Amino acid sequence: MLGKSTRAAVSKIISAHLRRQFHASRQAEAARKFFVGGNWKCNGSVSQIDGLVSMLNQSTLSTNTEVVVCPSQVYIQGVQSKI
């Protein structure tokens, strides 16, 4: 059985370790970018796709945001030329 002073010392060490881990994870979290992804199938029309691309081009987002679009093969060329 550990004595009272030993338990207190171990408790302090564990608390300090947990605080360091918490702060390290918060710093890593702050460095991550916010990710927005869009995937569409062959749904919609060329005019709907044009509207979506136009909306994306006009949006103002934080520099901490990464936007990814994943058009289907039939729309890739049109989306690529407009983004």
Protein backbone atom coordinates (compact mmCIF):
# COMPACT_ATOMS: atom_id res chain seq x y z
CA MET A 1 0.00 0.00 0.00
CA LEU A 2 1.29 3.45 -0.92
CA GLY A 3 1.66 6.06 1.73
CA LYS A 4 -0.32 9.28 1.65
CA SER A 5 2.62 11.40 0.44
CA THR A 6 3.46 8.89 -2.31
CA ARG A 7 -0.15 8.85 -3.53
CA ALA A 8 -0.15 12.65 -3.60
CA ALA A 9 3.10 12.73 -5.59
CA VAL A 10 1.80 10.17 -8.10
CA SER A 11 -1.44 12.11 -8.42
CA LYS A 12 0.48 15.32 -9.19
CA ILE A 13 2.57 13.57 -11.85
CA ILE A 14 -0.51 12.08 -13.50
CA SER A 15 -2.36 15.41 -13.41
CA ALA A 16 0.59 17.22 -14.99
CA HIS A 17 0.85 14.56 -17.70
CA LEU A 18 -2.87 14.79 -18.50
CA ARG A 19 -2.67 18.59 -18.70
CA ARG A 20 0.25 18.37 -21.15
CA GLN A 21 -1.64 15.85 -23.29
CA PHE A 22 -4.76 18.03 -23.27
CA HIS A 23 -2.85 21.16 -24.34
CA ALA A 24 -0.96 19.25 -27.04
CA SER A 25 -4.21 17.87 -28.48
CA ARG A 26 -5.81 21.34 -28.44
CA GLN A 27 -2.82 22.78 -30.35
CA ALA A 28 -3.01 19.99 -32.95
CA GLU A 29 -6.75 20.56 -33.27
CA ALA A 30 -6.23 24.28 -33.83
CA ALA A 31 -3.76 23.54 -36.65
CA ARG A 32 -6.29 21.43 -38.57
CA LYS A 33 -8.33 22.90 -41.37
CA PHE A 34 -12.10 22.76 -41.52
CA PHE A 35 -12.95 20.39 -44.39
CA VAL A 36 -16.02 20.75 -46.58
CA GLY A 37 -16.56 18.07 -49.18
CA GLY A 38 -19.19 17.61 -51.83
CA ASN A 39 -19.87 14.51 -53.84
CA TRP A 40 -22.65 14.30 -56.35
CA LYS A 41 -23.72 11.55 -58.68
CA CYS A 42 -25.24 12.09 -62.12
CA ASN A 43 -28.11 13.95 -60.47
CA GLY A 44 -29.06 17.43 -61.57
CA SER A 45 -28.51 19.29 -64.78
CA VAL A 46 -25.73 21.36 -66.29
CA SER A 47 -27.47 24.56 -65.16
CA GLN A 48 -27.73 23.25 -61.56
CA ILE A 49 -24.04 22.33 -61.60
CA ASP A 50 -23.20 25.78 -63.00
CA GLY A 51 -25.19 27.37 -60.17
CA LEU A 52 -23.38 25.32 -57.54
CA VAL A 53 -19.96 26.16 -58.96
CA SER A 54 -20.92 29.83 -59.17
CA MET A 55 -22.03 29.80 -55.52
CA LEU A 56 -18.73 28.18 -54.48
CA ASN A 57 -16.71 30.72 -56.48
CA GLN A 58 -18.56 33.66 -54.88
CA SER A 59 -18.39 32.38 -51.30
CA THR A 60 -16.03 33.89 -48.79
CA LEU A 61 -14.55 31.32 -46.46
CA SER A 62 -12.00 31.38 -43.71
CA THR A 63 -8.44 30.63 -44.80
CA ASN A 64 -8.73 27.72 -42.38
CA THR A 65 -11.30 26.02 -44.64
CA GLU A 66 -10.57 23.55 -47.40
CA VAL A 67 -13.33 22.87 -49.94
CA VAL A 68 -13.28 19.76 -52.12
CA VAL A 69 -15.79 18.96 -54.85
CA CYS A 70 -16.17 15.55 -56.43
CA PRO A 71 -18.29 15.79 -59.56
CA SER A 72 -19.20 12.71 -61.51
CA GLN A 73 -17.26 11.99 -64.68
CA VAL A 74 -19.85 13.58 -66.96
CA TYR A 75 -19.44 16.95 -65.16
CA ILE A 76 -15.68 17.01 -64.46
CA GLN A 77 -14.64 18.99 -67.51
CA GLY A 78 -17.32 21.65 -67.02
CA VAL A 79 -16.65 22.02 -63.29
CA GLN A 80 -12.88 22.13 -63.79
CA SER A 81 -13.15 24.93 -66.36
CA LYS A 82 -15.35 27.04 -64.07
CA ILE A 83 -13.70 26.61 -60.67
